[in-house]
N, C-alpha and C. Protein backbone atom coordinates (compact mmCIF):
# COMPACT_ATOMS: atom_id res chain seq x y z
N MET A 1 -69.31 32.63 41.76
CA MET A 1 -69.02 32.16 43.09
C MET A 1 -67.61 32.58 43.45
N VAL A 2 -67.45 33.08 44.67
CA VAL A 2 -66.14 33.49 45.18
C VAL A 2 -65.89 32.70 46.46
N THR A 3 -64.66 32.18 46.58
CA THR A 3 -64.26 31.43 47.77
C THR A 3 -63.29 32.28 48.57
N ALA A 4 -63.50 32.37 49.87
CA ALA A 4 -62.59 33.09 50.76
C ALA A 4 -61.99 32.10 51.74
N ILE A 5 -60.69 32.25 51.99
CA ILE A 5 -60.01 31.35 52.90
C ILE A 5 -58.98 32.13 53.69
N GLU A 6 -58.83 31.80 54.96
CA GLU A 6 -57.81 32.42 55.79
C GLU A 6 -56.55 31.57 55.69
N VAL A 7 -55.43 32.21 55.38
CA VAL A 7 -54.17 31.49 55.23
C VAL A 7 -53.11 32.09 56.14
N GLY A 8 -52.15 31.24 56.52
CA GLY A 8 -51.01 31.69 57.32
C GLY A 8 -51.19 31.41 58.80
N ASP A 9 -50.06 31.17 59.46
CA ASP A 9 -50.07 30.94 60.90
C ASP A 9 -49.64 32.19 61.67
N ILE A 10 -48.52 32.76 61.26
CA ILE A 10 -48.00 33.94 61.96
C ILE A 10 -48.66 35.21 61.42
N LYS A 11 -48.59 35.36 60.13
CA LYS A 11 -49.22 36.50 59.47
C LYS A 11 -50.44 35.99 58.71
N ARG A 12 -51.59 36.20 59.26
CA ARG A 12 -52.82 35.69 58.65
C ARG A 12 -53.35 36.66 57.61
N GLU A 13 -53.82 36.10 56.53
CA GLU A 13 -54.43 36.87 55.46
C GLU A 13 -55.67 36.15 54.97
N ILE A 14 -56.56 36.91 54.37
CA ILE A 14 -57.72 36.30 53.75
C ILE A 14 -57.48 36.34 52.24
N ALA A 15 -57.59 35.20 51.59
CA ALA A 15 -57.39 35.09 50.15
C ALA A 15 -58.74 34.80 49.50
N PHE A 16 -58.97 35.45 48.37
CA PHE A 16 -60.20 35.24 47.62
C PHE A 16 -59.86 34.58 46.30
N HIS A 17 -60.69 33.62 45.89
CA HIS A 17 -60.46 32.89 44.65
C HIS A 17 -61.78 32.76 43.89
N GLY A 18 -61.68 32.66 42.59
CA GLY A 18 -62.87 32.43 41.77
C GLY A 18 -62.82 33.24 40.50
N ASP A 19 -63.68 32.87 39.57
CA ASP A 19 -63.72 33.53 38.27
C ASP A 19 -64.07 35.01 38.38
N THR A 20 -64.92 35.36 39.32
CA THR A 20 -65.30 36.76 39.52
C THR A 20 -64.10 37.62 39.87
N ILE A 21 -63.28 37.14 40.78
CA ILE A 21 -62.08 37.87 41.19
C ILE A 21 -61.10 37.94 40.02
N ASN A 22 -60.91 36.84 39.33
CA ASN A 22 -60.01 36.79 38.18
C ASN A 22 -60.46 37.77 37.10
N THR A 23 -61.74 37.79 36.79
CA THR A 23 -62.26 38.69 35.76
C THR A 23 -62.06 40.15 36.17
N ALA A 24 -62.34 40.47 37.42
CA ALA A 24 -62.15 41.84 37.91
C ALA A 24 -60.69 42.27 37.77
N ALA A 25 -59.76 41.38 38.10
CA ALA A 25 -58.34 41.69 37.97
C ALA A 25 -57.95 41.91 36.52
N ARG A 26 -58.49 41.11 35.62
CA ARG A 26 -58.19 41.26 34.19
C ARG A 26 -58.75 42.58 33.65
N ILE A 27 -59.94 42.95 34.09
CA ILE A 27 -60.53 44.23 33.67
C ILE A 27 -59.67 45.38 34.20
N GLN A 28 -59.28 45.30 35.45
CA GLN A 28 -58.44 46.35 36.05
C GLN A 28 -57.13 46.50 35.28
N SER A 29 -56.60 45.39 34.79
CA SER A 29 -55.31 45.43 34.11
C SER A 29 -55.35 46.17 32.77
N VAL A 30 -56.55 46.38 32.20
CA VAL A 30 -56.64 47.10 30.93
C VAL A 30 -57.10 48.55 31.09
N CYS A 31 -57.33 49.00 32.32
CA CYS A 31 -57.77 50.38 32.54
C CYS A 31 -56.80 51.39 31.93
N ASN A 32 -55.51 51.22 32.15
CA ASN A 32 -54.54 52.17 31.62
C ASN A 32 -54.53 52.19 30.10
N SER A 33 -54.75 51.04 29.47
CA SER A 33 -54.77 50.97 28.01
C SER A 33 -55.86 51.86 27.42
N TYR A 34 -56.94 52.04 28.16
CA TYR A 34 -58.06 52.86 27.70
C TYR A 34 -58.11 54.21 28.40
N ASN A 35 -57.07 54.51 29.19
CA ASN A 35 -56.98 55.77 29.94
C ASN A 35 -58.24 56.02 30.78
N ARG A 36 -58.66 54.98 31.49
CA ARG A 36 -59.86 55.04 32.33
C ARG A 36 -59.51 54.58 33.74
N SER A 37 -60.12 55.20 34.72
CA SER A 37 -59.86 54.80 36.10
C SER A 37 -60.80 53.69 36.57
N LEU A 38 -61.95 53.52 35.89
CA LEU A 38 -62.88 52.47 36.28
C LEU A 38 -63.55 51.89 35.04
N LEU A 39 -63.35 50.61 34.82
CA LEU A 39 -64.04 49.87 33.78
C LEU A 39 -64.86 48.77 34.43
N ILE A 40 -66.01 48.48 33.85
CA ILE A 40 -66.86 47.40 34.35
C ILE A 40 -67.28 46.52 33.19
N SER A 41 -67.69 45.32 33.52
CA SER A 41 -68.18 44.38 32.50
C SER A 41 -69.61 44.71 32.12
N GLU A 42 -70.04 44.14 31.00
CA GLU A 42 -71.41 44.33 30.56
C GLU A 42 -72.40 43.76 31.57
N SER A 43 -72.06 42.63 32.17
CA SER A 43 -72.98 42.04 33.15
C SER A 43 -73.14 42.95 34.37
N MET A 44 -72.08 43.64 34.78
CA MET A 44 -72.19 44.60 35.88
C MET A 44 -73.02 45.81 35.44
N TYR A 45 -72.77 46.26 34.22
CA TYR A 45 -73.51 47.40 33.68
C TYR A 45 -75.01 47.12 33.67
N LYS A 46 -75.39 45.91 33.29
CA LYS A 46 -76.81 45.55 33.22
C LYS A 46 -77.48 45.53 34.59
N THR A 47 -76.71 45.37 35.67
CA THR A 47 -77.30 45.37 37.02
C THR A 47 -77.38 46.76 37.61
N MET A 48 -76.71 47.73 36.97
CA MET A 48 -76.66 49.10 37.50
C MET A 48 -77.92 49.87 37.18
N ASN A 49 -78.16 50.86 37.99
CA ASN A 49 -79.19 51.85 37.73
C ASN A 49 -78.51 53.21 37.90
N PRO A 50 -77.69 53.62 36.90
CA PRO A 50 -76.92 54.84 37.07
C PRO A 50 -77.82 56.06 37.22
N ASP A 51 -77.38 56.98 38.07
CA ASP A 51 -78.13 58.22 38.26
C ASP A 51 -77.47 59.33 37.44
N ARG A 52 -77.94 60.53 37.65
CA ARG A 52 -77.42 61.66 36.87
C ARG A 52 -75.98 62.00 37.21
N GLU A 53 -75.46 61.48 38.30
CA GLU A 53 -74.09 61.78 38.70
C GLU A 53 -73.07 60.88 38.01
N LEU A 54 -73.54 59.85 37.29
CA LEU A 54 -72.62 58.93 36.62
C LEU A 54 -72.88 58.88 35.12
N ASN A 55 -71.81 58.81 34.39
CA ASN A 55 -71.87 58.52 32.95
C ASN A 55 -71.30 57.13 32.76
N VAL A 56 -72.00 56.29 32.04
CA VAL A 56 -71.52 54.95 31.72
C VAL A 56 -71.46 54.86 30.20
N LEU A 57 -70.25 54.62 29.69
CA LEU A 57 -70.02 54.64 28.25
C LEU A 57 -69.40 53.34 27.79
N PHE A 58 -69.91 52.80 26.67
CA PHE A 58 -69.29 51.61 26.08
C PHE A 58 -67.89 51.98 25.62
N VAL A 59 -66.91 51.11 25.92
CA VAL A 59 -65.52 51.36 25.55
C VAL A 59 -65.08 50.46 24.41
N ASP A 60 -65.23 49.14 24.59
CA ASP A 60 -64.71 48.20 23.60
C ASP A 60 -65.11 46.78 24.01
N LYS A 61 -64.98 45.87 23.05
CA LYS A 61 -65.06 44.44 23.35
C LYS A 61 -63.62 43.95 23.40
N VAL A 62 -63.24 43.32 24.50
CA VAL A 62 -61.86 42.96 24.74
C VAL A 62 -61.74 41.47 25.01
N GLN A 63 -60.72 40.87 24.43
CA GLN A 63 -60.40 39.48 24.73
C GLN A 63 -59.45 39.47 25.92
N LEU A 64 -59.97 39.13 27.09
CA LEU A 64 -59.16 39.11 28.30
C LEU A 64 -58.43 37.77 28.42
N LYS A 65 -57.25 37.82 28.98
CA LYS A 65 -56.46 36.61 29.18
C LYS A 65 -57.26 35.59 29.99
N GLY A 66 -57.28 34.37 29.51
CA GLY A 66 -57.96 33.30 30.22
C GLY A 66 -59.46 33.19 29.95
N LYS A 67 -59.98 34.05 29.08
CA LYS A 67 -61.41 34.03 28.77
C LYS A 67 -61.63 33.50 27.36
N ASP A 68 -62.68 32.72 27.18
CA ASP A 68 -62.99 32.16 25.87
C ASP A 68 -63.62 33.18 24.92
N GLU A 69 -64.41 34.09 25.48
CA GLU A 69 -65.12 35.07 24.65
C GLU A 69 -64.70 36.49 25.02
N ALA A 70 -64.78 37.38 24.03
CA ALA A 70 -64.50 38.79 24.28
C ALA A 70 -65.56 39.35 25.24
N LEU A 71 -65.15 40.30 26.04
CA LEU A 71 -66.01 40.88 27.06
C LEU A 71 -66.23 42.35 26.75
N ALA A 72 -67.49 42.79 26.74
CA ALA A 72 -67.79 44.21 26.53
C ALA A 72 -67.46 44.96 27.81
N LEU A 73 -66.72 46.07 27.65
CA LEU A 73 -66.32 46.87 28.80
C LEU A 73 -66.94 48.26 28.70
N TYR A 74 -67.30 48.80 29.86
CA TYR A 74 -67.89 50.12 29.97
C TYR A 74 -67.09 50.95 30.96
N ALA A 75 -66.91 52.24 30.64
CA ALA A 75 -66.24 53.18 31.54
C ALA A 75 -67.30 53.84 32.41
N VAL A 76 -66.98 54.01 33.67
CA VAL A 76 -67.86 54.71 34.60
C VAL A 76 -67.14 55.97 35.05
N GLU A 77 -67.80 57.11 34.86
CA GLU A 77 -67.22 58.40 35.22
C GLU A 77 -68.26 59.25 35.92
N ARG A 78 -67.77 60.17 36.74
CA ARG A 78 -68.69 61.16 37.33
C ARG A 78 -69.16 62.11 36.24
N SER A 79 -70.42 62.42 36.28
CA SER A 79 -70.99 63.36 35.32
C SER A 79 -70.43 64.75 35.58
N ARG A 80 -70.19 65.48 34.53
CA ARG A 80 -69.70 66.86 34.68
C ARG A 80 -70.86 67.82 34.96
N ARG A 81 -72.08 67.30 34.83
CA ARG A 81 -73.27 68.12 35.11
C ARG A 81 -73.43 68.30 36.61
N GLY A 82 -73.84 69.44 37.01
CA GLY A 82 -74.22 69.68 38.39
C GLY A 82 -73.07 69.66 39.37
N GLY A 83 -71.87 69.92 38.95
CA GLY A 83 -70.89 70.05 39.97
C GLY A 83 -69.58 69.57 39.77
């Protein structure tokens, strides 16, 4: 579940809160450690139906800050086949 709220009187912004947003930020924070531009969680990987244009590779199980269990991460890259 993600919560969105509009904040501010003069300069209005929309702020998003929730475990989903937090997890995405934690995954993004380890991209450089694995020299990857896009990492996704195992739960996201399981919902995907990658086509021939994408390679999805297991990277590692990582203990992310604020999480009780290690999370399996996958790298998503454009396939070098066909172009």
